[in-house]
Amino acid sequence: MAAAAGDGTVKPLQSAMKLANGAIELDTGNRPREAYTEYLRTIHYISQALLEEVETTKEARETVPPDTSKMLKLAQQCLERAQSTATKLGKTRLKATMPAAAPIPQPAGRHRRVYSDEGGKLSPFLPPEIFQKLQGAESQSSKKELTPLEEASLQNQKLKAAYEARMARLDPSQAMQKTSLTLSLQRQMMENLVIAKAREETLQRKMEERRLRLQEAANRRFCSQVALTPEEREQRALYAAVLEYEQDHDWPKHWKAKLKRSPGDLSLVTSLVSHLLSLPDHPIAQLLRRLQCAVYSALYPAVSRAAAPAPGCCPPTPNPGSRRLRPSQSLHCMLSPPEPSAAPRPQDCPPTPPLQPGPVGPPSPLGDTASGLPDKDSSFEDLEQFLGTSERQGQGRGVQPEPQLQQLKSAVEEIHNAIDRLLSLTLLAFEGLNTAASKDRCLACIEEPFFSPLWPLLLALYRSVHRAREAALSRSMELYRNAPPTAIGIPTKLLPQNPEAKGATGYPYCAAAQELGLLVLESCPQKKLECIVRTLRVICVCAEDYCPTPEATPQAGPQPIAAAAIGADDLLPILSFVVLRSGLPQLVSECAALEEFIHEGYLIGEEGYCLTSLQSALSYVELLPQGGLAK
């Protein structure tokens, strides 16, 4: 992405997001007919881009690129929004031509609404019992082998059908032959049952002997002479199930041999874990689904209670100036910031007073246009003092209810325990993965399928806890969305000197804002963190393009953020400007969740630096004076 920003090329996904943003601006500007046209144009562009991609990669590969699924999700959101806009325009005939939008009962599927535009209500997620059925459907569809008694029963049914056919062909006078056929059928059916019963008893005895042998091996592995905790006993039983699975399948032996030949091949680790979790009958894959269902069942009541409106509170009113796109689980509330009015109001529901200007500092060189902005030269001079002010103001806004915080802490602890159990069982099953690098890669491969169905619900709980901060950030984004970059504190040397000559469109660092917007399309913490790193790299590339240094020598490949030409004093105001332009207040909750679930090894490297920089920029934007820009 950084390279694409450097050479001026734009990916189809970024172009599609720009078209969608333009449609949203028209929609929020009370221009529904033009917005409806732009939504359809966005869908048409996505379709054309995907068709061209299929034609060019028809013989090169069969896998779907990551951007393709994101573009499909974006097209789905634009289609929903176009239907909503068409309803406003009174185009009811679309309901007859678009069966998917008809108000008929929809079956429970993967696509579920998280936030709705109708009154700002939070729509419910799938109930835990339905989620559990969906998770277990794949394992139940696997082919089941018949027992000896079941095979004998099928054989007897065939014998009985043949007997009845022969009896129907005999004359009534052939009584002796009918009797003989009846006795022969009874004898054969009895023999089949006796033989099958003997086979099943022998098989059960051998299986029990094998189970005891494997259980003894698991006991030796877990040091059975010491008293085990319930968790360790469960882990021992799972390990014995893994050993029993390996007795019936040969592929684990082949993978262990590959790991022994190439112990440092991380791509082999990725392939192994992906193959392991794709098999519904493997004990580790079954444990993954059980733990997902347990976490979902713990999250669902907390999110449902947080979504319910408080007694006596008025329904929230949408802010006509905010950017709204009908969100869903697939986009995790993309481009749908919670409005400040969504917070609980008093019993009498008084009208929200207009925002009053905050304390204004010394006169700004920009005059009245930026009177509500802090002095650009001292915005980031004392970051520690600024973050301390952020914490105090956060405490002043009110403390979250204790039960809700306790539910979040309990859910986070349960998720950590579940991932640790999956990782330890995988390392027990494949000892070749028990190295530092392989363990980290194995953990990343486990987290992606584990978090995918759970992240929307988890994020909803985080957003309910951080609702006040998101509301403050949303107000700042609304008030300062047209603020010039210099007013935020970006030096003029790091801005385009001659935008017309370079053919630039939009605002400075637009590519970075678009890259940051892709974060909400991911459902895995590791991929979200990679998106943040790419955003800061795009910022560095754009800054170097705006202000090239003569002594800078181009180097191949992405460079670390610390090695970039700009420092932290310049990076933070640029990142704050990018946050303002992203229009995503949920970044507060996203970063809080990432800080909790990202591996400790990443937090002390480049990834941790990027995450901390984004959190600092969010806190700064959140505390901008509420005077805003003159409109």
Foldseek 3Di string as FASTA:
>chain_A
DLVCLQVVHDDLLLVLVVLLVVLLQCVLVVNLVVSLVSLVVSLVSLVVVVVVVCVVCVPVDDDDDPVNVVSVVVNVLSVVVSVVSCVVVVVPVVCVVDVVPPPDDDDDDLWFFQFAPVLGFGDADDALVVLLCVLCVVLVPDDDDDALQRVLVVVLVVLVVVLVVVVVPDDPVPPVVNVVSVVVSVVVSVVSNVVRVVVRVVVVVVVVVLLVVLLVVLCVVLVVVDDDDPVSVVLSVLLSQQVVVCVVDPVLVVLLVVCVVPLPDLVSLLVVLVVQLVNCPHSLVVLLSVLLSVLCNLLRVLLVVLSDADPQFDRFDDDSNARATRDILLLLRFRHFDALSRDTDDNVHDDDDDADWDDFDPADPVGQQLRQFHHLVCLPVDLVVLVVVLVVVVVVVDADDPVLVVSLVVSLVSVVVSLVSSLVSVCSSRVSQPDDVSSVSNSQSSQQVSQSSPQSSSLSSLCSNCVVLLNLLLLLLSQCVPPALVRLNADPLQAAPDCVVVVDDDGQLSVLLSLLSCLSSGRGLVVSLVSLQVSLQSSLSSSCVRHPDPVDDDDPDGDFSVPGPDDLSNSLSVLLSSSSNNSYSSVQSSLVVSVSPPDPVCLVDSSVVSSVSNNSSSSSSSPRTSPGGDD
